[in-house]
Amino acid sequence: MNAVLALDQGTTSSRAIVFDANGQPLASAQREFRQFYPQPGWVEHDAAEIWATQSAVMAEVIAKVPRVEIAAIGITNQRETTVLWDRETGVPVANAIVWQDRRTASMCDALRAHERLIRERTGLVLDPYFSGTKLRWLLERVANHERLAFGTIDSWLVWNLTRGARHITDVTNASRTMLFDIHRAQWDDALLELFSVPRSVLPEVKSSSEIYATTSEGVPIAGIAGDQQASLFGQRCTRAGMAKNTYGTGSFVVMNTGERAVTSEHGLLATIAWKLGEAAPRYALEGSIFVTGAAVQWLRDGLGIIRRAPDVEGLAASVPDSGGVVVVPAFTGLGTPHWDAYARGTICGITRGTTAAHIARATLESIALQTVDVLEIMQRDSGIAIEELRVDGGASTNDLLMQLQADLAGIPVVRTRVPETTALGAAYLAGLAVGFYRDLDAQWQPDRAFTPRMSATERASIRERWQRGVERAKGWDL
């Protein structure tokens, strides 16, 4: 029996999942790794620990399916997280700077005069979220640039899987660096000069689905995509106007825009959705929400009002509404559509009658409301109506949250039967390259659809209160 192995390297854990020919998971393994917060607003990972956990779960999951032959390996990864290592030793020169990290906010402020150039060529806004300023920050602190290799996590994994033989990335990850022209699909010299990045440190850019190399065991590495693009592909959002949201540490709403890169006037990102072999790239609009699932973790670890993350559903459901409380979880600033690196979290509307249940419900509402803000401007900027939202990720199993999402968005929310769509997308990309998968659309199946129940009046009232809360959170740390 043949299968495809997906390596899903995320923000808080490394996972490996084996998928069969029908796109069904056969076995999985997962290990968490440490998070480092050396200063307020700084977030780091130990890249060596990431590789150690990823290689460990890869070996663990293969051992679980001894009669299965791995036909290909697909990789999906946390995007924008920046690794810089020594080519000769293969050792990182510093901790990886995580996508959530805000240390380069002032560097971005100093580059505001070039914001239009960056937006036109990369489709991105000028923000510490992306890899460009992270890489510049590291390069300013390290000598001997000719020996250095830069990569997002996919590059780091391929480097280690091939024992330093290949230094590559794919177009989806390259499109998140602020150094890559998404229209010409190549590194941009003007941007490299602007960010003081030598071309010698950059990986070679490949498509999202092709045979890049083989492991020492002879298994093809054949698919790479950043986590949100992999999820879009795994959700089979293959036509313009189809959209998905992944609820993880943050949430990422992505809409397929076909062969056209749409310029947003409201803070959305234009990005490459995927590129299959020699075919033309497909593009997408994306809204990046920095904190969603992490807000539930904060209820657990910071406030201590729940013992386990799943407990939030029962607590929030114990009250009929949030009692006027608004939680804005801007713990690391606000992403789309605000792009305020200085915003900080707020809780508004507290009275003597406020309980932990009201705060829990307001936190779930904040996850749904941030998504609604993104969906609204996606439709406005693209001129395409979104008729349903396909959802996945850990928090998509929360039925109350999914009902709130449908109510506040006013469209059906459809949860997929296979929740691991990010890993599945990576498996699909790798399987296509080696001929293992063919008719993928026939494999997608819904688990449950949530339809709107809330009145338009109530929806408008909640959204108006939410907007007042967001305005209070902005610019707090100036």
Protein backbone atom coordinates (compact mmCIF):
# COMPACT_ATOMS: atom_id res chain seq x y z
CA MET A 1 0.00 0.00 0.00
CA ASN A 2 1.30 3.45 -0.95
CA ALA A 3 0.66 6.73 0.84
CA VAL A 4 1.93 10.30 1.09
CA LEU A 5 3.66 11.79 4.11
CA ALA A 6 2.85 15.39 5.02
CA LEU A 7 5.14 17.35 7.31
CA ASP A 8 3.14 20.12 8.98
CA GLN A 9 5.50 22.44 10.82
CA GLY A 10 3.39 24.92 12.81
CA THR A 11 3.87 27.76 15.24
CA THR A 12 3.63 25.68 18.40
CA SER A 13 4.16 22.09 17.27
CA SER A 14 5.58 19.87 14.55
CA ARG A 15 3.31 17.20 13.08
CA ALA A 16 3.52 14.42 10.54
CA ILE A 17 0.49 12.76 8.94
CA VAL A 18 0.29 9.88 6.47
CA PHE A 19 -2.57 10.11 3.95
CA ASP A 20 -3.89 7.31 1.77
CA ALA A 21 -5.01 7.46 -1.87
CA ASN A 22 -8.45 8.75 -0.79
CA GLY A 23 -7.01 11.62 1.20
CA GLN A 24 -7.80 9.96 4.52
CA PRO A 25 -5.29 10.11 7.40
CA LEU A 26 -3.81 6.74 8.34
CA ALA A 27 -1.61 7.85 11.21
CA SER A 28 -0.24 11.02 12.79
CA ALA A 29 2.29 12.19 15.35
CA GLN A 30 2.81 15.57 16.99
CA ARG A 31 5.29 17.24 19.34
CA GLU A 32 5.25 20.72 20.81
CA PHE A 33 8.38 22.85 21.07
CA ARG A 34 9.40 25.82 23.16
CA GLN A 35 8.36 29.43 22.61
CA PHE A 36 10.77 32.20 23.60
CA TYR A 37 9.72 35.75 24.52
CA PRO A 38 13.00 37.58 25.24
CA GLN A 39 11.35 41.03 25.25
CA PRO A 40 7.78 42.36 25.01
CA GLY A 41 6.59 41.88 21.43
CA TRP A 42 9.46 39.52 20.57
CA VAL A 43 8.77 35.86 19.71
CA GLU A 44 11.49 33.33 18.85
CA HIS A 45 11.93 29.63 18.11
CA ASP A 46 14.98 27.40 18.27
CA ALA A 47 15.30 26.23 14.65
CA ALA A 48 17.39 23.23 15.73
CA GLU A 49 14.57 22.18 18.06
CA ILE A 50 12.07 22.59 15.22
CA TRP A 51 14.08 20.19 13.07
CA ALA A 52 14.53 17.78 15.97
CA THR A 53 10.79 17.63 16.66
CA GLN A 54 9.89 17.42 12.97
CA SER A 55 12.32 14.59 12.27
CA ALA A 56 11.14 12.78 15.41
CA VAL A 57 7.46 12.85 14.46
CA MET A 58 8.35 11.84 10.91
CA ALA A 59 10.08 8.71 12.21
CA GLU A 60 7.27 8.09 14.70
CA VAL A 61 4.46 8.22 12.17
CA ILE A 62 6.30 6.02 9.65
CA ALA A 63 6.77 3.44 12.38
CA LYS A 64 3.00 3.43 12.93
CA VAL A 65 2.34 2.27 9.35
CA PRO A 66 5.03 -0.41 8.75
CA ARG A 67 3.30 -1.90 5.70
CA VAL A 68 2.92 1.45 3.93
CA GLU A 69 5.40 2.66 1.33
CA ILE A 70 5.79 6.44 1.23
CA ALA A 71 5.37 7.66 -2.35
CA ALA A 72 6.26 11.29 -1.66
CA ILE A 73 6.75 13.90 1.04
CA GLY A 74 4.88 17.20 1.13
CA ILE A 75 5.84 20.10 3.39
CA THR A 76 3.67 22.86 4.82
CA ASN A 77 4.90 25.37 7.33
CA GLN A 78 4.36 28.42 9.46
CA ARG A 79 5.13 31.26 7.09
CA GLU A 80 7.27 34.38 7.50
CA THR A 81 9.24 32.86 10.40
CA THR A 82 12.85 33.61 9.52
CA VAL A 83 15.84 31.30 9.89
CA LEU A 84 19.43 32.28 9.13
CA TRP A 85 22.10 29.59 9.23
CA ASP A 86 25.73 28.92 8.35
CA ARG A 87 25.99 26.96 5.09
CA GLU A 88 29.21 25.24 6.16
CA THR A 89 28.09 24.06 9.58
CA GLY A 90 24.32 23.93 9.03
CA VAL A 91 23.89 25.63 12.40
CA PRO A 92 21.49 28.60 12.86
CA VAL A 93 23.32 31.81 13.76
CA ALA A 94 20.48 32.91 16.06
CA ASN A 95 17.03 31.87 17.13
CA ALA A 96 14.40 31.99 14.39
CA ILE A 97 12.30 35.16 14.46
CA VAL A 98 8.64 34.10 14.46
CA TRP A 99 5.95 35.62 12.25
CA GLN A 100 4.25 37.07 15.35
CA ASP A 101 7.36 39.05 16.32
CA ARG A 102 7.03 42.86 16.29
CA ARG A 103 10.64 43.92 16.94
CA THR A 104 11.05 45.50 13.50
CA ALA A 105 8.09 47.88 13.79
CA SER A 106 10.38 50.93 13.92
CA MET A 107 12.34 49.60 10.93
CA CYS A 108 9.08 49.42 8.99
CA ASP A 109 8.24 52.98 10.05
CA ALA A 110 11.56 54.17 8.60
CA LEU A 111 10.67 52.58 5.25
CA ARG A 112 7.22 54.16 4.87
CA ALA A 113 8.33 56.24 1.87
CA HIS A 114 8.74 52.96 -0.07
CA GLU A 115 5.39 51.46 0.93
CA ARG A 116 3.84 51.85 -2.52
CA LEU A 117 6.74 50.05 -4.25
CA ILE A 118 6.49 47.19 -1.78
CA ARG A 119 2.72 46.91 -2.21
CA GLU A 120 2.84 47.01 -6.03
CA ARG A 121 5.51 44.33 -6.39
CA THR A 122 4.84 42.01 -3.47
CA GLY A 123 1.11 42.43 -2.82
CA LEU A 124 1.96 42.91 0.86
CA VAL A 125 1.72 45.78 3.30
CA LEU A 126 4.83 47.09 5.02
CA ASP A 127 4.67 45.34 8.37
CA PRO A 128 6.96 43.48 10.83
CA TYR A 129 4.87 40.35 10.15
CA PHE A 130 6.81 39.54 6.99
CA SER A 131 10.29 38.11 6.61
CA GLY A 132 12.11 41.01 4.94
CA THR A 133 12.71 43.20 7.98
CA LYS A 134 13.32 40.15 10.18
CA LEU A 135 16.09 39.05 7.83
CA ARG A 136 17.58 42.53 7.70
CA TRP A 137 17.57 42.68 11.52
CA LEU A 138 19.50 39.42 11.70
CA LEU A 139 21.95 40.36 8.95
CA GLU A 140 22.81 43.60 10.73
CA ARG A 141 24.00 41.54 13.70
CA VAL A 142 25.97 38.81 11.91
CA ALA A 143 29.24 38.96 9.98
CA ASN A 144 30.46 36.75 7.08
CA HIS A 145 27.31 37.07 4.99
CA GLU A 146 28.83 34.98 2.20
CA ARG A 147 28.47 31.86 4.37
CA LEU A 148 24.86 32.48 5.35
CA ALA A 149 21.65 30.93 4.07
CA PHE A 150 18.21 32.42 4.69
CA GLY A 151 14.99 30.53 4.60
CA THR A 152 11.50 30.28 5.92
CA ILE A 153 10.79 27.03 7.75
CA ASP A 154 10.19 25.04 4.55
CA SER A 155 13.71 25.88 3.36
CA TRP A 156 15.15 24.87 6.70
CA LEU A 157 13.36 21.51 6.60
CA VAL A 158 14.44 20.74 3.02
CA TRP A 159 18.03 21.70 3.86
CA ASN A 160 18.03 19.19 6.70
CA LEU A 161 16.10 16.49 4.82
CA THR A 162 18.68 16.66 2.02
CA ARG A 163 21.65 17.16 4.39
CA GLY A 164 22.43 20.54 2.90
CA ALA A 165 22.15 19.49 -0.75
CA ARG A 166 19.17 21.75 -1.59
CA HIS A 167 18.50 25.35 -0.58
CA ILE A 168 15.05 26.03 -2.01
CA THR A 169 11.64 27.47 -1.25
CA ASP A 170 8.38 27.58 -3.18
CA VAL A 171 6.52 30.55 -4.63
CA THR A 172 3.96 30.68 -1.81
CA ASN A 173 6.57 31.10 0.89
CA ALA A 174 8.69 33.43 -1.23
CA SER A 175 5.64 35.63 -1.75
CA ARG A 176 5.54 36.31 2.02
CA THR A 177 9.02 37.81 2.37
CA MET A 178 8.53 41.39 0.99
CA LEU A 179 11.46 40.56 -1.33
CA PHE A 180 9.59 38.71 -4.10
CA ASP A 181 7.77 40.13 -7.13
CA ILE A 182 4.57 38.06 -7.27
CA HIS A 183 3.77 39.20 -10.81
CA ARG A 184 7.08 38.06 -12.30
CA ALA A 185 7.50 35.26 -9.73
CA GLN A 186 11.11 36.09 -8.91
CA TRP A 187 13.27 37.85 -6.34
CA ASP A 188 13.26 41.61 -6.92
CA ASP A 189 16.57 43.47 -7.09
CA ALA A 190 15.10 46.82 -6.04
CA LEU A 191 13.58 45.27 -2.93
CA LEU A 192 16.76 43.39 -2.10
CA GLU A 193 18.63 46.70 -2.23
CA LEU A 194 15.96 48.44 -0.15
CA PHE A 195 16.18 45.83 2.60
CA SER A 196 19.98 45.42 2.28
CA VAL A 197 19.67 41.70 1.59
CA PRO A 198 22.41 40.05 -0.51
CA ARG A 199 21.09 37.71 -3.17
CA SER A 200 23.63 35.10 -2.08
CA VAL A 201 21.63 34.24 1.07
CA LEU A 202 18.39 33.53 -0.79
CA PRO A 203 16.98 30.10 -1.67
CA GLU A 204 16.12 29.05 -5.21
CA VAL A 205 12.37 29.49 -5.85
CA LYS A 206 10.45 26.50 -7.17
CA SER A 207 6.80 25.68 -7.90
CA SER A 208 4.53 24.23 -5.22
CA SER A 209 4.29 20.81 -6.84
CA GLU A 210 7.32 19.14 -8.43
CA ILE A 211 10.04 16.72 -7.42
CA TYR A 212 12.68 18.88 -5.74
CA ALA A 213 14.97 16.19 -4.34
CA THR A 214 14.95 12.81 -2.70
CA THR A 215 15.76 11.90 0.87
CA SER A 216 18.61 9.54 1.71
CA GLU A 217 15.97 6.76 1.69
CA GLY A 218 15.03 7.67 -1.90
CA VAL A 219 11.63 9.26 -1.11
CA PRO A 220 10.79 12.25 -3.36
CA ILE A 221 10.21 15.61 -1.67
CA ALA A 222 7.58 16.84 -4.09
CA GLY A 223 5.27 19.46 -2.56
CA ILE A 224 5.78 22.71 -0.61
CA ALA A 225 3.30 25.40 0.37
CA GLY A 226 2.91 27.83 3.22
CA ASP A 227 0.29 26.70 5.68
CA GLN A 228 -2.57 28.93 4.55
CA GLN A 229 -2.07 28.25 0.85
CA ALA A 230 -1.86 24.54 1.60
CA SER A 231 -5.13 24.78 3.50
CA LEU A 232 -6.80 26.59 0.57
CA PHE A 233 -5.64 23.79 -1.73
CA GLY A 234 -6.69 21.08 0.73
CA GLN A 235 -10.13 22.69 1.06
CA ARG A 236 -10.39 22.52 -2.73
CA CYS A 237 -11.07 26.23 -3.08
CA THR A 238 -9.96 26.04 -6.69
CA ARG A 239 -12.31 28.61 -8.27
CA ALA A 240 -12.29 32.39 -7.95
CA GLY A 241 -14.54 33.46 -5.08
CA MET A 242 -14.10 30.30 -3.00
CA ALA A 243 -12.80 31.09 0.49
CA LYS A 244 -11.62 29.33 3.61
CA ASN A 245 -10.64 30.25 7.14
CA THR A 246 -8.17 28.31 9.27
CA TYR A 247 -8.55 28.79 13.02
CA GLY A 248 -5.18 28.25 14.64
CA THR A 249 -2.97 30.41 16.84
CA GLY A 250 -4.14 33.17 14.53
CA SER A 251 -6.70 32.95 11.76
CA PHE A 252 -6.14 33.34 8.05
CA VAL A 253 -8.97 34.02 5.66
CA VAL A 254 -7.96 33.28 2.07
CA MET A 255 -9.99 33.70 -1.11
CA ASN A 256 -9.00 32.34 -4.51
CA THR A 257 -8.88 35.13 -7.12
CA GLY A 258 -7.86 32.94 -10.04
CA GLU A 259 -5.11 34.06 -12.40
CA ARG A 260 -5.45 37.69 -11.29
CA ALA A 261 -3.59 39.30 -8.41
CA VAL A 262 -6.15 41.70 -6.92
CA THR A 263 -4.86 44.98 -5.49
CA SER A 264 -6.60 45.71 -2.20
CA GLU A 265 -7.41 49.21 -1.01
CA HIS A 266 -8.26 48.05 2.50
CA GLY A 267 -5.24 46.20 3.86
CA LEU A 268 -5.76 42.76 2.34
CA LEU A 269 -2.74 40.92 1.04
CA ALA A 270 -2.37 39.71 -2.54
CA THR A 271 -0.40 36.49 -2.49
CA ILE A 272 0.41 33.49 -4.66
CA ALA A 273 -2.02 30.70 -3.83
CA TRP A 274 -0.01 27.96 -5.54
CA LYS A 275 1.84 27.06 -8.72
CA LEU A 276 1.56 23.55 -10.11
CA GLY A 277 4.68 22.63 -12.07
CA GLU A 278 5.03 24.75 -15.18
CA ALA A 279 1.46 26.12 -15.03
CA ALA A 280 0.79 29.79 -14.34
CA PRO A 281 0.45 30.78 -10.68
CA ARG A 282 -2.95 31.08 -9.03
CA TYR A 283 -3.46 34.08 -6.80
CA ALA A 284 -5.40 34.79 -3.64
CA LEU A 285 -6.48 37.58 -1.33
CA GLU A 286 -5.65 37.02 2.31
CA GLY A 287 -6.64 38.57 5.58
CA SER A 288 -4.20 37.87 8.40
CA ILE A 289 -5.62 37.86 11.93
CA PHE A 290 -2.82 37.55 14.44
CA VAL A 291 -4.64 36.27 17.52
CA THR A 292 -7.65 33.94 17.61
CA GLY A 293 -6.89 30.52 19.10
CA ALA A 294 -4.17 32.21 21.14
CA ALA A 295 -6.91 34.25 22.82
CA VAL A 296 -8.48 31.03 24.13
CA GLN A 297 -5.04 29.93 25.34
CA TRP A 298 -4.83 33.26 27.17
CA LEU A 299 -8.17 32.57 28.89
CA ARG A 300 -6.62 29.29 30.05
CA ASP A 301 -3.04 30.27 30.86
CA GLY A 302 -3.30 34.01 31.53
CA LEU A 303 -6.65 34.45 33.26
CA GLY A 304 -7.11 30.87 34.44
CA ILE A 305 -10.88 30.89 33.85
CA ILE A 306 -10.80 27.57 31.97
CA ARG A 307 -8.68 24.48 32.59
CA ARG A 308 -8.59 23.20 29.02
CA ALA A 309 -9.08 25.08 25.75
CA PRO A 310 -12.21 23.04 24.78
CA ASP A 311 -13.85 24.16 28.04
CA VAL A 312 -14.40 27.62 26.56
CA GLU A 313 -17.41 26.41 24.56
CA GLY A 314 -19.41 25.28 27.59
CA LEU A 315 -18.50 28.37 29.60
CA ALA A 316 -19.42 30.75 26.77
CA ALA A 317 -22.66 28.87 26.08
CA SER A 318 -23.77 29.30 29.71
CA VAL A 319 -24.78 32.90 28.97
CA PRO A 320 -27.08 34.03 26.12
CA ASP A 321 -24.75 36.85 25.02
CA SER A 322 -21.61 38.69 26.04
CA GLY A 323 -23.45 41.11 28.30
CA GLY A 324 -22.06 44.06 26.37
CA VAL A 325 -18.43 42.99 26.87
CA VAL A 326 -16.03 43.38 23.94
CA VAL A 327 -12.66 41.61 23.93
CA VAL A 328 -10.12 42.82 21.34
CA PRO A 329 -7.22 40.32 21.49
CA ALA A 330 -4.58 42.58 19.94
CA PHE A 331 -1.79 40.96 21.94
CA THR A 332 0.72 41.35 19.11
CA GLY A 333 -0.90 44.25 17.28
CA LEU A 334 -3.74 44.17 14.77
CA GLY A 335 -3.48 42.64 11.30
CA THR A 336 -5.95 43.00 8.45
CA PRO A 337 -7.47 45.50 7.83
CA HIS A 338 -5.84 47.75 10.45
CA TRP A 339 -2.14 46.82 10.33
CA ASP A 340 -1.43 48.56 13.61
CA ALA A 341 1.76 47.14 15.11
CA TYR A 342 1.23 49.23 18.25
CA ALA A 343 -2.32 48.12 19.10
CA ARG A 344 -2.73 46.15 22.31
CA GLY A 345 -5.46 43.98 23.74
CA THR A 346 -8.45 45.52 25.51
CA ILE A 347 -11.58 44.43 27.36
CA CYS A 348 -14.38 46.98 27.17
CA GLY A 349 -17.88 47.16 28.62
CA ILE A 350 -17.21 45.49 31.97
CA THR A 351 -19.80 46.03 34.72
CA ARG A 352 -20.34 44.59 38.19
CA GLY A 353 -22.47 41.93 36.50
CA THR A 354 -19.68 40.76 34.18
CA THR A 355 -18.65 37.15 34.70
CA ALA A 356 -15.99 34.83 33.34
CA ALA A 357 -18.67 33.43 31.03
CA HIS A 358 -19.27 36.85 29.45
CA ILE A 359 -15.54 37.31 28.85
CA ALA A 360 -15.31 33.81 27.34
CA ARG A 361 -18.23 34.49 25.00
CA ALA A 362 -16.84 37.88 24.02
CA THR A 363 -13.53 36.18 23.22
CA LEU A 364 -15.26 33.74 20.86
CA GLU A 365 -17.16 36.64 19.31
CA SER A 366 -13.85 38.43 18.73
CA ILE A 367 -12.60 35.49 16.68
CA ALA A 368 -15.72 35.55 14.50
CA LEU A 369 -15.85 39.35 14.23
CA GLN A 370 -12.25 39.69 13.08
CA THR A 371 -13.10 37.17 10.36
CA VAL A 372 -16.22 39.11 9.35
CA ASP A 373 -14.18 42.30 8.94
CA VAL A 374 -11.90 40.48 6.51
CA LEU A 375 -14.72 38.82 4.53
CA GLU A 376 -16.43 42.16 4.04
CA ILE A 377 -13.44 43.89 2.49
CA MET A 378 -12.51 40.82 0.43
CA GLN A 379 -15.81 41.05 -1.38
CA ARG A 380 -15.52 44.82 -1.74
CA ASP A 381 -12.00 44.77 -3.20
CA SER A 382 -12.47 41.78 -5.50
CA GLY A 383 -16.01 42.49 -6.64
CA ILE A 384 -16.77 38.80 -6.05
CA ALA A 385 -19.45 37.60 -3.62
CA ILE A 386 -18.44 34.91 -1.13
CA GLU A 387 -21.32 32.45 -0.88
CA GLU A 388 -19.91 30.18 1.82
CA LEU A 389 -16.91 29.93 4.08
CA ARG A 390 -15.06 26.62 4.38
CA VAL A 391 -13.39 26.21 7.76
CA ASP A 392 -10.72 24.08 9.40
CA GLY A 393 -8.20 24.22 12.21
CA GLY A 394 -8.44 23.42 15.89
CA ALA A 395 -11.14 25.93 16.86
CA SER A 396 -13.40 24.85 13.98
CA THR A 397 -14.47 21.94 16.20
CA ASN A 398 -16.14 24.49 18.52
CA ASP A 399 -19.79 24.37 17.40
CA LEU A 400 -20.71 27.57 19.26
CA LEU A 401 -17.92 29.49 17.56
CA MET A 402 -18.90 28.16 14.14
CA GLN A 403 -22.55 29.15 14.72
CA LEU A 404 -21.43 32.62 15.82
CA GLN A 405 -19.30 32.81 12.69
CA ALA A 406 -22.27 32.01 10.45
CA ASP A 407 -24.52 34.41 12.38
CA LEU A 408 -22.11 37.34 12.27
CA ALA A 409 -20.98 36.77 8.67
CA GLY A 410 -24.49 36.11 7.38
CA ILE A 411 -23.35 33.22 5.16
CA PRO A 412 -23.14 29.44 5.63
CA VAL A 413 -20.03 28.10 7.34
CA VAL A 414 -19.02 24.61 6.21
CA ARG A 415 -16.68 22.45 8.26
CA THR A 416 -14.76 19.84 6.32
CA ARG A 417 -14.84 16.15 7.27
CA VAL A 418 -11.04 15.94 7.26
CA PRO A 419 -10.00 18.74 9.63
CA GLU A 420 -6.28 18.51 8.81
CA THR A 421 -6.64 20.35 5.52
CA THR A 422 -3.30 22.13 5.82
CA ALA A 423 -1.39 18.85 5.94
CA LEU A 424 -3.77 17.38 3.36
CA GLY A 425 -3.02 20.25 0.97
CA ALA A 426 0.70 19.53 1.26
CA ALA A 427 0.03 15.83 0.65
CA TYR A 428 -2.08 16.66 -2.40
CA LEU A 429 0.66 18.88 -3.87
CA ALA A 430 3.28 16.18 -3.38
CA GLY A 431 1.00 13.39 -4.60
CA LEU A 432 0.13 15.28 -7.78
CA ALA A 433 3.81 15.67 -8.64
CA VAL A 434 4.42 11.90 -8.52
CA GLY A 435 1.07 10.86 -10.04
CA PHE A 436 -0.33 9.50 -6.77
CA TYR A 437 -3.40 11.81 -6.76
CA ARG A 438 -5.61 12.81 -9.66
CA ASP A 439 -9.31 13.67 -9.09
CA LEU A 440 -8.98 15.67 -5.89
CA ASP A 441 -12.31 17.53 -5.94
CA ALA A 442 -14.20 14.27 -5.57
CA GLN A 443 -12.45 13.66 -2.24
CA TRP A 444 -13.64 16.82 -0.46
CA GLN A 445 -16.58 16.16 1.88
CA PRO A 446 -18.37 18.41 4.38
CA ASP A 447 -18.78 17.44 8.01
CA ARG A 448 -21.40 20.01 9.03
CA ALA A 449 -22.87 23.25 7.69
CA PHE A 450 -23.84 26.10 10.03
CA THR A 451 -26.46 28.49 8.66
CA PRO A 452 -27.14 32.03 9.94
CA ARG A 453 -29.84 32.40 12.61
CA MET A 454 -29.17 35.90 13.94
CA SER A 455 -31.31 38.85 12.88
CA ALA A 456 -29.73 41.61 10.81
CA THR A 457 -30.47 44.10 13.61
CA GLU A 458 -28.66 42.08 16.24
CA ARG A 459 -25.75 41.44 13.89
CA ALA A 460 -25.38 45.16 13.17
CA SER A 461 -25.50 46.02 16.88
CA ILE A 462 -22.75 43.54 17.79
CA ARG A 463 -20.56 44.71 14.92
CA GLU A 464 -20.98 48.37 15.83
CA ARG A 465 -19.98 47.67 19.44
CA TRP A 466 -17.00 45.66 18.16
CA GLN A 467 -15.77 48.55 16.02
CA ARG A 468 -15.84 50.89 19.04
CA GLY A 469 -13.72 48.36 20.95
CA VAL A 470 -11.20 48.09 18.10
CA GLU A 471 -10.75 51.86 17.99
CA ARG A 472 -9.90 51.83 21.69
CA ALA A 473 -7.22 49.18 21.12
CA LYS A 474 -5.40 51.02 18.34
CA GLY A 475 -2.12 52.85 18.84
CA TRP A 476 -2.00 51.91 22.51
CA ASP A 477 1.74 51.32 22.61
CA LEU A 478 2.83 54.46 20.75
